[in-house]
Structures are given as C-alpha cells and as structure tokens.
N, C-alpha and C. Protein backbone atom coordinates (compact mmCIF):
# COMPACT_ATOMS: atom_id res chain seq x y z
N MET A 1 -2.52 -13.34 -4.64
CA MET A 1 -2.24 -11.91 -4.76
C MET A 1 -2.26 -11.52 -6.24
N SER A 2 -3.05 -10.52 -6.58
CA SER A 2 -3.17 -10.20 -8.01
C SER A 2 -2.90 -8.73 -8.33
N ALA A 3 -2.74 -7.86 -7.34
CA ALA A 3 -2.54 -6.43 -7.59
C ALA A 3 -1.69 -5.83 -6.49
N VAL A 4 -0.99 -4.75 -6.83
CA VAL A 4 -0.17 -4.03 -5.85
C VAL A 4 -0.72 -2.61 -5.73
N VAL A 5 -0.86 -2.17 -4.48
CA VAL A 5 -1.50 -0.88 -4.17
C VAL A 5 -0.51 -0.04 -3.36
N PHE A 6 -0.20 1.14 -3.86
CA PHE A 6 0.82 1.98 -3.25
C PHE A 6 0.21 3.20 -2.56
N ASP A 7 0.73 3.51 -1.37
CA ASP A 7 0.63 4.86 -0.83
C ASP A 7 1.59 5.73 -1.65
N ILE A 8 1.48 7.04 -1.54
CA ILE A 8 2.34 7.93 -2.34
C ILE A 8 3.40 8.62 -1.49
N GLY A 9 2.97 9.41 -0.48
CA GLY A 9 3.92 10.18 0.31
C GLY A 9 4.81 9.30 1.16
N ASN A 10 6.11 9.43 0.99
CA ASN A 10 7.14 8.69 1.72
C ASN A 10 7.12 7.19 1.43
N VAL A 11 6.45 6.83 0.34
CA VAL A 11 6.58 5.49 -0.24
C VAL A 11 7.08 5.61 -1.67
N LEU A 12 6.41 6.43 -2.46
CA LEU A 12 6.87 6.68 -3.84
C LEU A 12 7.65 7.99 -3.96
N TYR A 13 7.28 8.97 -3.15
CA TYR A 13 7.96 10.28 -3.17
C TYR A 13 8.25 10.72 -1.74
N HIS A 14 9.46 11.22 -1.53
CA HIS A 14 9.77 11.84 -0.24
C HIS A 14 8.90 13.08 -0.07
N TRP A 15 8.34 13.23 1.14
CA TRP A 15 7.48 14.38 1.42
C TRP A 15 7.84 14.98 2.76
N SER A 16 8.07 16.30 2.79
CA SER A 16 8.46 16.97 4.03
C SER A 16 8.08 18.45 3.98
N PRO A 17 7.05 18.86 4.72
CA PRO A 17 6.74 20.30 4.81
C PRO A 17 7.93 21.10 5.34
N ARG A 18 8.73 20.47 6.16
CA ARG A 18 9.88 21.19 6.72
C ARG A 18 10.82 21.68 5.62
N ALA A 19 10.92 20.90 4.56
CA ALA A 19 11.83 21.27 3.47
C ALA A 19 11.44 22.60 2.86
N LEU A 20 10.14 22.85 2.74
CA LEU A 20 9.68 24.14 2.23
C LEU A 20 10.00 25.25 3.21
N TYR A 21 9.64 25.06 4.47
CA TYR A 21 9.73 26.16 5.42
C TYR A 21 11.14 26.41 5.92
N GLU A 22 12.04 25.46 5.75
CA GLU A 22 13.45 25.75 6.04
C GLU A 22 13.97 26.88 5.16
N CYS A 23 13.41 27.01 3.96
CA CYS A 23 13.82 28.08 3.06
C CYS A 23 13.25 29.43 3.47
N LEU A 24 12.19 29.41 4.29
CA LEU A 24 11.46 30.63 4.62
C LEU A 24 11.66 31.09 6.06
N ILE A 25 12.05 30.16 6.94
CA ILE A 25 12.24 30.49 8.37
C ILE A 25 13.64 30.04 8.77
N PRO A 26 14.61 30.92 8.79
CA PRO A 26 16.00 30.51 9.01
C PRO A 26 16.31 30.07 10.43
N ASN A 27 15.53 30.52 11.40
CA ASN A 27 15.80 30.18 12.80
C ASN A 27 15.17 28.84 13.13
N ASP A 28 15.96 27.89 13.61
CA ASP A 28 15.47 26.53 13.85
C ASP A 28 14.37 26.49 14.91
N GLN A 29 14.52 27.28 15.98
CA GLN A 29 13.50 27.27 17.02
C GLN A 29 12.19 27.84 16.51
N ALA A 30 12.27 28.91 15.74
CA ALA A 30 11.07 29.51 15.15
C ALA A 30 10.42 28.55 14.15
N LEU A 31 11.24 27.84 13.40
CA LEU A 31 10.74 26.86 12.45
C LEU A 31 10.00 25.74 13.17
N ASP A 32 10.61 25.21 14.21
CA ASP A 32 9.97 24.14 14.98
C ASP A 32 8.63 24.59 15.53
N ALA A 33 8.60 25.79 16.07
CA ALA A 33 7.37 26.31 16.66
C ALA A 33 6.29 26.50 15.59
N PHE A 34 6.68 26.99 14.42
CA PHE A 34 5.72 27.22 13.34
C PHE A 34 5.11 25.90 12.87
N LEU A 35 5.94 24.89 12.70
CA LEU A 35 5.44 23.59 12.23
C LEU A 35 4.64 22.86 13.31
N ARG A 36 4.93 23.16 14.55
CA ARG A 36 4.19 22.54 15.65
C ARG A 36 2.84 23.21 15.88
N ASP A 37 2.81 24.54 15.79
CA ASP A 37 1.63 25.29 16.23
C ASP A 37 0.76 25.84 15.10
N VAL A 38 1.34 26.10 13.96
CA VAL A 38 0.61 26.82 12.91
C VAL A 38 0.21 25.88 11.79
N VAL A 39 1.16 25.37 11.02
CA VAL A 39 0.82 24.44 9.93
C VAL A 39 1.21 23.02 10.34
N ASN A 40 0.54 22.55 11.39
CA ASN A 40 0.86 21.22 11.92
C ASN A 40 0.10 20.13 11.16
N MET A 41 0.37 18.89 11.52
CA MET A 41 -0.21 17.76 10.78
C MET A 41 -1.72 17.66 10.98
N ASP A 42 -2.21 18.03 12.14
CA ASP A 42 -3.67 18.02 12.32
C ASP A 42 -4.34 18.96 11.32
N TRP A 43 -3.75 20.12 11.13
CA TRP A 43 -4.28 21.07 10.14
C TRP A 43 -4.15 20.52 8.73
N HIS A 44 -3.01 19.94 8.41
CA HIS A 44 -2.81 19.39 7.07
C HIS A 44 -3.81 18.27 6.77
N LEU A 45 -4.14 17.47 7.76
CA LEU A 45 -5.10 16.37 7.54
C LEU A 45 -6.48 16.88 7.13
N GLU A 46 -6.79 18.13 7.47
CA GLU A 46 -8.06 18.69 7.02
C GLU A 46 -8.11 18.76 5.49
N HIS A 47 -6.98 19.04 4.86
CA HIS A 47 -6.93 19.04 3.39
C HIS A 47 -7.10 17.62 2.87
N ASP A 48 -6.41 16.68 3.50
CA ASP A 48 -6.54 15.28 3.09
C ASP A 48 -7.97 14.78 3.23
N ALA A 49 -8.70 15.35 4.19
CA ALA A 49 -10.09 14.95 4.43
C ALA A 49 -11.07 15.66 3.50
N GLY A 50 -10.57 16.56 2.64
CA GLY A 50 -11.44 17.15 1.63
C GLY A 50 -11.75 18.62 1.79
N ARG A 51 -11.18 19.28 2.79
CA ARG A 51 -11.45 20.71 2.94
C ARG A 51 -10.61 21.52 1.96
N ASP A 52 -11.15 22.65 1.52
CA ASP A 52 -10.44 23.53 0.60
C ASP A 52 -9.38 24.34 1.33
N PHE A 53 -8.24 24.51 0.67
CA PHE A 53 -7.16 25.29 1.27
C PHE A 53 -7.59 26.73 1.54
N ALA A 54 -8.43 27.29 0.70
CA ALA A 54 -8.89 28.66 0.92
C ALA A 54 -9.57 28.80 2.28
N ASP A 55 -10.30 27.79 2.69
CA ASP A 55 -11.01 27.84 3.97
C ASP A 55 -10.06 27.58 5.13
N THR A 56 -9.23 26.55 5.02
CA THR A 56 -8.34 26.22 6.15
C THR A 56 -7.29 27.31 6.34
N SER A 57 -6.81 27.89 5.26
CA SER A 57 -5.79 28.94 5.40
C SER A 57 -6.40 30.21 5.97
N ALA A 58 -7.63 30.53 5.59
CA ALA A 58 -8.28 31.72 6.16
C ALA A 58 -8.44 31.58 7.66
N GLU A 59 -8.81 30.38 8.10
CA GLU A 59 -8.95 30.15 9.54
C GLU A 59 -7.62 30.31 10.26
N ARG A 60 -6.56 29.75 9.68
CA ARG A 60 -5.24 29.85 10.32
C ARG A 60 -4.73 31.29 10.32
N ILE A 61 -4.96 31.99 9.23
CA ILE A 61 -4.51 33.40 9.17
C ILE A 61 -5.24 34.24 10.20
N ALA A 62 -6.52 33.93 10.45
CA ALA A 62 -7.26 34.64 11.49
C ALA A 62 -6.66 34.37 12.87
N MET A 63 -6.16 33.15 13.07
CA MET A 63 -5.55 32.78 14.35
C MET A 63 -4.12 33.32 14.48
N PHE A 64 -3.40 33.34 13.36
CA PHE A 64 -1.97 33.71 13.37
C PHE A 64 -1.71 34.74 12.26
N PRO A 65 -2.28 35.93 12.39
CA PRO A 65 -2.15 36.92 11.29
C PRO A 65 -0.70 37.30 11.00
N GLU A 66 0.16 37.19 11.99
CA GLU A 66 1.57 37.54 11.78
C GLU A 66 2.26 36.56 10.83
N HIS A 67 1.63 35.39 10.61
CA HIS A 67 2.21 34.37 9.74
C HIS A 67 1.43 34.21 8.43
N ALA A 68 0.67 35.22 8.05
CA ALA A 68 -0.22 35.09 6.89
C ALA A 68 0.53 34.65 5.63
N ASP A 69 1.65 35.27 5.34
CA ASP A 69 2.38 34.94 4.11
C ASP A 69 2.93 33.52 4.16
N LEU A 70 3.39 33.11 5.34
CA LEU A 70 3.93 31.76 5.48
C LEU A 70 2.82 30.71 5.34
N ILE A 71 1.66 31.00 5.86
CA ILE A 71 0.54 30.06 5.73
C ILE A 71 0.13 29.94 4.26
N ARG A 72 0.04 31.06 3.58
CA ARG A 72 -0.32 31.03 2.15
C ARG A 72 0.70 30.25 1.34
N ALA A 73 1.95 30.27 1.77
CA ALA A 73 3.00 29.56 1.03
C ALA A 73 2.72 28.07 0.95
N TRP A 74 2.02 27.51 1.92
CA TRP A 74 1.69 26.07 1.88
C TRP A 74 0.94 25.75 0.58
N GLY A 75 -0.02 26.57 0.24
CA GLY A 75 -0.78 26.33 -0.99
C GLY A 75 -0.03 26.75 -2.23
N GLU A 76 0.66 27.87 -2.17
CA GLU A 76 1.34 28.41 -3.34
C GLU A 76 2.56 27.59 -3.74
N ARG A 77 3.20 26.96 -2.74
CA ARG A 77 4.47 26.28 -3.01
C ARG A 77 4.46 24.84 -2.51
N PHE A 78 3.27 24.22 -2.53
CA PHE A 78 3.16 22.86 -2.01
C PHE A 78 4.11 21.90 -2.72
N ASP A 79 4.35 22.15 -4.00
CA ASP A 79 5.23 21.24 -4.74
C ASP A 79 6.63 21.18 -4.15
N GLU A 80 7.02 22.20 -3.39
CA GLU A 80 8.34 22.20 -2.77
C GLU A 80 8.42 21.33 -1.52
N THR A 81 7.28 20.80 -1.08
CA THR A 81 7.29 19.82 0.02
C THR A 81 7.56 18.41 -0.49
N ILE A 82 7.51 18.22 -1.81
CA ILE A 82 7.73 16.91 -2.42
C ILE A 82 9.14 16.90 -2.98
N LEU A 83 9.97 15.99 -2.46
CA LEU A 83 11.42 16.10 -2.64
C LEU A 83 11.99 15.12 -3.65
N GLY A 84 11.16 14.42 -4.37
CA GLY A 84 11.68 13.51 -5.38
C GLY A 84 11.38 12.06 -5.04
N PRO A 85 11.72 11.15 -5.96
CA PRO A 85 11.37 9.74 -5.80
C PRO A 85 12.06 9.09 -4.61
N VAL A 86 11.33 8.18 -3.98
CA VAL A 86 11.95 7.30 -2.98
C VAL A 86 12.80 6.28 -3.73
N GLU A 87 14.00 6.10 -3.30
CA GLU A 87 14.99 5.30 -4.00
C GLU A 87 14.47 3.89 -4.27
N GLY A 88 14.50 3.49 -5.53
CA GLY A 88 14.17 2.13 -5.92
C GLY A 88 12.71 1.84 -6.13
N MET A 89 11.82 2.74 -5.71
CA MET A 89 10.40 2.42 -5.76
C MET A 89 9.80 2.64 -7.15
N HIS A 90 10.25 3.66 -7.87
CA HIS A 90 9.72 3.87 -9.21
C HIS A 90 10.13 2.74 -10.14
N GLU A 91 11.30 2.18 -9.90
CA GLU A 91 11.73 1.04 -10.69
C GLU A 91 10.82 -0.17 -10.45
N ILE A 92 10.40 -0.36 -9.21
CA ILE A 92 9.49 -1.46 -8.90
C ILE A 92 8.16 -1.25 -9.61
N VAL A 93 7.64 -0.03 -9.60
CA VAL A 93 6.38 0.25 -10.30
C VAL A 93 6.52 -0.08 -11.78
N ALA A 94 7.62 0.34 -12.39
CA ALA A 94 7.82 0.10 -13.82
C ALA A 94 7.91 -1.39 -14.12
N GLU A 95 8.59 -2.14 -13.25
CA GLU A 95 8.73 -3.58 -13.47
C GLU A 95 7.40 -4.30 -13.30
N LEU A 96 6.62 -3.89 -12.32
CA LEU A 96 5.29 -4.49 -12.15
C LEU A 96 4.43 -4.22 -13.37
N ASP A 97 4.46 -2.99 -13.85
CA ASP A 97 3.67 -2.63 -15.02
C ASP A 97 4.11 -3.45 -16.23
N ALA A 98 5.41 -3.59 -16.43
CA ALA A 98 5.92 -4.37 -17.56
C ALA A 98 5.51 -5.84 -17.46
N ALA A 99 5.35 -6.32 -16.23
CA ALA A 99 4.94 -7.71 -16.01
C ALA A 99 3.43 -7.89 -16.10
N GLY A 100 2.69 -6.79 -16.30
CA GLY A 100 1.24 -6.88 -16.42
C GLY A 100 0.50 -6.96 -15.10
N VAL A 101 1.19 -6.63 -13.99
CA VAL A 101 0.54 -6.66 -12.68
C VAL A 101 -0.28 -5.38 -12.51
N PRO A 102 -1.56 -5.48 -12.16
CA PRO A 102 -2.36 -4.26 -11.94
C PRO A 102 -1.81 -3.43 -10.79
N ILE A 103 -1.70 -2.12 -11.01
CA ILE A 103 -1.14 -1.20 -10.03
C ILE A 103 -2.20 -0.16 -9.68
N PHE A 104 -2.38 0.07 -8.37
CA PHE A 104 -3.35 1.02 -7.88
C PHE A 104 -2.71 1.88 -6.78
N GLY A 105 -3.44 2.89 -6.33
CA GLY A 105 -2.96 3.73 -5.24
C GLY A 105 -4.07 4.08 -4.27
N ILE A 106 -3.71 4.24 -3.00
CA ILE A 106 -4.59 4.82 -1.97
C ILE A 106 -3.74 5.85 -1.24
N SER A 107 -4.14 7.12 -1.33
CA SER A 107 -3.30 8.17 -0.76
C SER A 107 -4.13 9.18 0.00
N ASN A 108 -3.64 9.56 1.17
CA ASN A 108 -4.14 10.75 1.85
C ASN A 108 -3.52 11.96 1.16
N PHE A 109 -4.35 12.69 0.40
CA PHE A 109 -3.83 13.79 -0.42
C PHE A 109 -4.98 14.76 -0.67
N SER A 110 -4.67 16.04 -0.69
CA SER A 110 -5.66 17.07 -0.97
C SER A 110 -6.25 16.90 -2.37
N HIS A 111 -7.55 17.11 -2.48
CA HIS A 111 -8.20 17.05 -3.79
C HIS A 111 -7.75 18.20 -4.69
N GLU A 112 -7.19 19.25 -4.10
CA GLU A 112 -6.68 20.38 -4.88
C GLU A 112 -5.22 20.19 -5.28
N PHE A 113 -4.42 19.65 -4.39
CA PHE A 113 -2.99 19.55 -4.64
C PHE A 113 -2.64 18.33 -5.48
N PHE A 114 -3.48 17.28 -5.45
CA PHE A 114 -3.09 16.07 -6.17
C PHE A 114 -3.13 16.21 -7.69
N PRO A 115 -4.16 16.80 -8.30
CA PRO A 115 -4.20 16.82 -9.77
C PRO A 115 -2.97 17.44 -10.44
N PRO A 116 -2.47 18.61 -9.99
CA PRO A 116 -1.27 19.13 -10.65
C PRO A 116 -0.04 18.26 -10.41
N PHE A 117 0.04 17.66 -9.23
CA PHE A 117 1.16 16.76 -8.94
C PHE A 117 1.10 15.53 -9.84
N ARG A 118 -0.10 14.96 -9.98
CA ARG A 118 -0.25 13.79 -10.83
C ARG A 118 0.11 14.12 -12.28
N ALA A 119 -0.31 15.28 -12.73
CA ALA A 119 -0.01 15.68 -14.11
C ALA A 119 1.50 15.84 -14.31
N ALA A 120 2.17 16.40 -13.31
CA ALA A 120 3.61 16.60 -13.42
C ALA A 120 4.38 15.28 -13.38
N GLU A 121 3.78 14.27 -12.77
CA GLU A 121 4.43 12.97 -12.62
C GLU A 121 3.71 11.89 -13.42
N ALA A 122 3.22 12.28 -14.60
CA ALA A 122 2.43 11.36 -15.41
C ALA A 122 3.22 10.13 -15.83
N GLN A 123 4.52 10.26 -15.98
CA GLN A 123 5.32 9.12 -16.41
C GLN A 123 5.17 7.95 -15.43
N LEU A 124 5.03 8.26 -14.14
CA LEU A 124 4.80 7.22 -13.15
C LEU A 124 3.32 6.88 -13.05
N PHE A 125 2.48 7.90 -12.87
CA PHE A 125 1.09 7.64 -12.52
C PHE A 125 0.26 7.11 -13.69
N ASP A 126 0.72 7.28 -14.91
CA ASP A 126 0.00 6.69 -16.03
C ASP A 126 0.06 5.17 -16.00
N ARG A 127 0.95 4.61 -15.20
CA ARG A 127 1.02 3.16 -15.03
C ARG A 127 -0.06 2.64 -14.08
N PHE A 128 -0.70 3.55 -13.34
CA PHE A 128 -1.71 3.15 -12.35
C PHE A 128 -3.08 3.04 -13.02
N ARG A 129 -3.82 2.00 -12.65
CA ARG A 129 -5.17 1.84 -13.19
C ARG A 129 -6.18 2.74 -12.48
N ASP A 130 -5.93 3.03 -11.22
CA ASP A 130 -6.81 3.93 -10.48
C ASP A 130 -6.09 4.33 -9.19
N ILE A 131 -6.44 5.50 -8.66
CA ILE A 131 -5.90 5.97 -7.38
C ILE A 131 -7.06 6.55 -6.57
N VAL A 132 -7.25 6.02 -5.38
CA VAL A 132 -8.23 6.58 -4.45
C VAL A 132 -7.54 7.70 -3.67
N VAL A 133 -8.03 8.91 -3.84
CA VAL A 133 -7.45 10.10 -3.20
C VAL A 133 -8.40 10.53 -2.08
N SER A 134 -7.89 10.59 -0.87
CA SER A 134 -8.73 10.85 0.30
C SER A 134 -9.52 12.14 0.17
N GLY A 135 -8.87 13.18 -0.36
CA GLY A 135 -9.56 14.47 -0.46
C GLY A 135 -10.75 14.44 -1.38
N ASP A 136 -10.70 13.59 -2.41
CA ASP A 136 -11.85 13.44 -3.31
C ASP A 136 -12.99 12.70 -2.62
N GLU A 137 -12.63 11.71 -1.81
CA GLU A 137 -13.63 10.83 -1.20
C GLU A 137 -14.10 11.33 0.17
N LYS A 138 -13.35 12.30 0.73
CA LYS A 138 -13.62 12.79 2.09
C LYS A 138 -13.54 11.65 3.10
N LEU A 139 -12.60 10.77 2.86
CA LEU A 139 -12.26 9.66 3.76
C LEU A 139 -10.74 9.62 3.85
N ILE A 140 -10.20 9.49 5.05
CA ILE A 140 -8.76 9.43 5.18
C ILE A 140 -8.35 8.13 5.86
N LYS A 141 -7.22 7.60 5.39
CA LYS A 141 -6.62 6.46 6.09
C LYS A 141 -6.28 6.90 7.51
N PRO A 142 -6.48 6.06 8.50
CA PRO A 142 -6.79 4.63 8.44
C PRO A 142 -8.28 4.27 8.56
N ASP A 143 -9.18 5.15 8.20
CA ASP A 143 -10.61 4.84 8.25
C ASP A 143 -10.89 3.57 7.45
N PRO A 144 -11.48 2.55 8.06
CA PRO A 144 -11.76 1.32 7.32
C PRO A 144 -12.56 1.55 6.04
N ALA A 145 -13.37 2.59 6.02
CA ALA A 145 -14.23 2.82 4.85
C ALA A 145 -13.43 3.09 3.59
N ILE A 146 -12.23 3.67 3.71
CA ILE A 146 -11.46 3.97 2.50
C ILE A 146 -10.93 2.69 1.87
N TYR A 147 -10.65 1.68 2.69
CA TYR A 147 -10.17 0.41 2.15
C TYR A 147 -11.32 -0.37 1.51
N THR A 148 -12.48 -0.32 2.12
CA THR A 148 -13.66 -0.95 1.53
C THR A 148 -13.98 -0.32 0.18
N LEU A 149 -13.92 1.00 0.13
CA LEU A 149 -14.14 1.71 -1.12
C LEU A 149 -13.11 1.32 -2.17
N ALA A 150 -11.85 1.23 -1.77
CA ALA A 150 -10.78 0.91 -2.71
C ALA A 150 -10.97 -0.48 -3.31
N LEU A 151 -11.30 -1.47 -2.49
CA LEU A 151 -11.52 -2.82 -3.01
C LEU A 151 -12.62 -2.81 -4.07
N LYS A 152 -13.71 -2.11 -3.77
CA LYS A 152 -14.83 -2.04 -4.72
C LYS A 152 -14.41 -1.33 -5.99
N ARG A 153 -13.74 -0.19 -5.84
CA ARG A 153 -13.33 0.61 -6.99
C ARG A 153 -12.34 -0.16 -7.87
N PHE A 154 -11.43 -0.87 -7.24
CA PHE A 154 -10.39 -1.57 -7.98
C PHE A 154 -10.86 -2.92 -8.53
N GLY A 155 -12.02 -3.37 -8.08
CA GLY A 155 -12.51 -4.67 -8.51
C GLY A 155 -11.73 -5.83 -7.91
N LEU A 156 -11.28 -5.65 -6.67
CA LEU A 156 -10.50 -6.68 -5.99
C LEU A 156 -11.32 -7.35 -4.91
N ALA A 157 -11.17 -8.65 -4.78
CA ALA A 157 -11.74 -9.38 -3.66
C ALA A 157 -10.81 -9.24 -2.46
N PRO A 158 -11.32 -9.39 -1.23
CA PRO A 158 -10.43 -9.37 -0.07
C PRO A 158 -9.29 -10.37 -0.25
N GLY A 159 -8.08 -9.90 0.06
CA GLY A 159 -6.91 -10.76 -0.06
C GLY A 159 -6.20 -10.67 -1.40
N GLU A 160 -6.76 -9.95 -2.36
CA GLU A 160 -6.13 -9.87 -3.69
C GLU A 160 -5.18 -8.70 -3.84
N GLY A 161 -5.18 -7.77 -2.91
CA GLY A 161 -4.34 -6.58 -3.03
C GLY A 161 -3.22 -6.56 -2.00
N TYR A 162 -2.03 -6.23 -2.45
CA TYR A 162 -0.85 -6.07 -1.59
C TYR A 162 -0.60 -4.57 -1.45
N PHE A 163 -0.81 -4.03 -0.25
CA PHE A 163 -0.79 -2.59 0.00
C PHE A 163 0.48 -2.21 0.73
N ILE A 164 1.10 -1.09 0.30
CA ILE A 164 2.38 -0.63 0.85
C ILE A 164 2.19 0.78 1.39
N ASP A 165 2.47 0.99 2.68
CA ASP A 165 2.27 2.29 3.32
C ASP A 165 3.32 2.48 4.40
N ASP A 166 3.73 3.74 4.62
CA ASP A 166 4.74 4.02 5.64
C ASP A 166 4.15 4.19 7.03
N SER A 167 2.81 4.26 7.15
CA SER A 167 2.16 4.44 8.45
C SER A 167 1.68 3.10 8.99
N LEU A 168 2.12 2.76 10.19
CA LEU A 168 1.71 1.49 10.79
C LEU A 168 0.20 1.44 11.00
N ALA A 169 -0.39 2.56 11.43
CA ALA A 169 -1.85 2.59 11.63
C ALA A 169 -2.58 2.29 10.32
N ASN A 170 -2.10 2.84 9.22
CA ASN A 170 -2.72 2.58 7.93
C ASN A 170 -2.56 1.13 7.51
N VAL A 171 -1.39 0.58 7.77
CA VAL A 171 -1.12 -0.82 7.43
C VAL A 171 -2.02 -1.75 8.24
N GLU A 172 -2.14 -1.48 9.53
CA GLU A 172 -2.95 -2.35 10.38
C GLU A 172 -4.42 -2.29 9.97
N SER A 173 -4.90 -1.10 9.63
CA SER A 173 -6.29 -0.97 9.19
C SER A 173 -6.49 -1.66 7.85
N ALA A 174 -5.52 -1.54 6.95
CA ALA A 174 -5.63 -2.23 5.66
C ALA A 174 -5.70 -3.74 5.86
N ARG A 175 -4.87 -4.27 6.75
CA ARG A 175 -4.88 -5.72 7.00
C ARG A 175 -6.22 -6.17 7.57
N ALA A 176 -6.82 -5.32 8.36
CA ALA A 176 -8.11 -5.68 8.97
C ALA A 176 -9.27 -5.51 8.00
N ASN A 177 -8.99 -4.91 6.84
CA ASN A 177 -10.08 -4.57 5.92
C ASN A 177 -9.78 -5.01 4.48
N GLY A 178 -9.21 -6.20 4.36
CA GLY A 178 -9.18 -6.86 3.07
C GLY A 178 -7.89 -6.84 2.29
N PHE A 179 -6.82 -6.28 2.85
CA PHE A 179 -5.55 -6.22 2.14
C PHE A 179 -4.47 -6.99 2.86
N MET A 180 -3.57 -7.60 2.10
CA MET A 180 -2.26 -7.92 2.64
C MET A 180 -1.49 -6.61 2.62
N ALA A 181 -0.72 -6.32 3.67
CA ALA A 181 -0.10 -5.00 3.73
C ALA A 181 1.33 -5.07 4.25
N HIS A 182 2.14 -4.16 3.72
CA HIS A 182 3.56 -4.07 4.05
C HIS A 182 3.83 -2.71 4.68
N HIS A 183 4.45 -2.72 5.87
CA HIS A 183 4.84 -1.48 6.52
C HIS A 183 6.18 -1.03 5.95
N PHE A 184 6.16 0.08 5.25
CA PHE A 184 7.33 0.53 4.50
C PHE A 184 8.30 1.26 5.43
N VAL A 185 9.24 0.51 5.97
CA VAL A 185 10.24 1.10 6.86
C VAL A 185 11.66 0.69 6.48
N GLN A 186 11.80 -0.32 5.63
CA GLN A 186 13.13 -0.83 5.28
C GLN A 186 13.48 -0.60 3.81
N GLY A 187 12.71 0.25 3.15
CA GLY A 187 13.06 0.64 1.80
C GLY A 187 12.61 -0.33 0.72
N ALA A 188 13.05 -0.01 -0.50
CA ALA A 188 12.58 -0.74 -1.67
C ALA A 188 13.03 -2.20 -1.67
N ALA A 189 14.20 -2.48 -1.11
CA ALA A 189 14.71 -3.85 -1.15
C ALA A 189 13.77 -4.82 -0.44
N ALA A 190 13.20 -4.39 0.68
CA ALA A 190 12.29 -5.27 1.41
C ALA A 190 10.99 -5.48 0.64
N VAL A 191 10.51 -4.43 -0.02
CA VAL A 191 9.32 -4.57 -0.86
C VAL A 191 9.60 -5.53 -2.01
N ARG A 192 10.73 -5.32 -2.66
CA ARG A 192 11.08 -6.17 -3.79
C ARG A 192 11.15 -7.64 -3.37
N ALA A 193 11.75 -7.91 -2.22
CA ALA A 193 11.88 -9.28 -1.76
C ALA A 193 10.51 -9.94 -1.58
N GLU A 194 9.57 -9.21 -1.01
CA GLU A 194 8.23 -9.78 -0.81
C GLU A 194 7.51 -9.98 -2.15
N LEU A 195 7.66 -9.03 -3.07
CA LEU A 195 7.02 -9.17 -4.37
C LEU A 195 7.59 -10.36 -5.14
N VAL A 196 8.90 -10.58 -5.04
CA VAL A 196 9.53 -11.75 -5.67
C VAL A 196 9.00 -13.03 -5.04
N GLU A 197 8.91 -13.03 -3.71
CA GLU A 197 8.41 -14.21 -3.00
C GLU A 197 6.97 -14.55 -3.43
N MET A 198 6.16 -13.52 -3.71
CA MET A 198 4.79 -13.74 -4.12
C MET A 198 4.65 -14.03 -5.62
N GLY A 199 5.77 -13.96 -6.33
CA GLY A 199 5.73 -14.22 -7.76
C GLY A 199 5.23 -13.08 -8.62
N LEU A 200 5.22 -11.87 -8.04
CA LEU A 200 4.76 -10.70 -8.80
C LEU A 200 5.90 -9.99 -9.52
N LEU A 201 7.13 -10.26 -9.10
CA LEU A 201 8.31 -9.74 -9.80
C LEU A 201 9.25 -10.91 -10.12
C-alpha cells in the first residue's frame, strides 16, 4: 500500500442538503416532501455527472414553478449543505501528509460547486496531489471507469491505493477495480487503526 485516497462528502466533511432546507421550510412534512420529490438525490446526481446547475434547475422550476426560489437556493447556497469537518479525519490527512504518504481524492461532486469549495478549504486540499471530480470527468462512482481513470491519473498500480468512502456500492466497486477499500461507517478511529496496521501512520 503506497497511497491513501479519500472520498469527500461524509468522509472528510459532513454533507446534508436537509441542513440548508430546514432553514427555508419550517414544516417537517413539507420539507420531507420537497427533498423527496423536488431536489432529490437522483436530481443531485445529475450535477455530479457533469450537468450544469442552470440546466437542471430550469428543468425542475418548469416542473415545480411554485418552488422556484427554493430550487435556486441549491445553487446559491450550496455551501450551507456542507456542515464542517468529520471528526478526526482532517487530523489523519495532516498526519499522512507529514509522513510523506501520497494523498488523493475521488469524489462525486459538481464541476461548478467543487472549485469554490476547494478554494475555501485549501488548508486541507493543498495536501492532496490530485482529486478526480466526477463532474469534471462526467463519470460518477460506482462506475468502474472512474476507478480505472483514478489509478492512471494518480500513477498507481492496482493494489497500491487505500480508498475510503461512506457508500458501500462505491467501496465494492473500488475493490473490484484496483483498490483496497474501507467502508467508512465507524468513524476516524477505525480508519486510523487500519492505517497503523498497514504502516502508513
């Protein structure tokens, strides 16, 4: 094992669209319905796959004109869906970097929303040698092609990268396509234990 590869959402940073819309829709039933029917995860994945927010939001506003302002808020206030660091994970990144371990990322993230986020979080992301962003590549996890691309981009042979993701489907696809992978469900302590066992920390 020679490199560590991180997912971003709910591995390095807590992410929740609900956190934004709780501020805008006070009724819980209305909030649930809005997140289920209007700005649901299937719609959000279109951004991760490389579509422009201007196009996806126009389509949704045509379908749900009564929610036009709320739909626009996704783009205007996306940073409010990101709730801060996942406990203990930024410390692991810093320790790996200090130890000279190559650090990379593979993230399902909009090509429009990622650059300002990365700039705002440069203290962390400047430690990364490269990040494959799904919206830039128009490939989303768990598509095997994104892992093949990442290995090539990172200069890693199969088996050289330890990948951490909160989605089991993404982890299983990574394992089938050249990565050792950790399903992030038990927090930073479990990651740290495996990294210590592998001699990376």
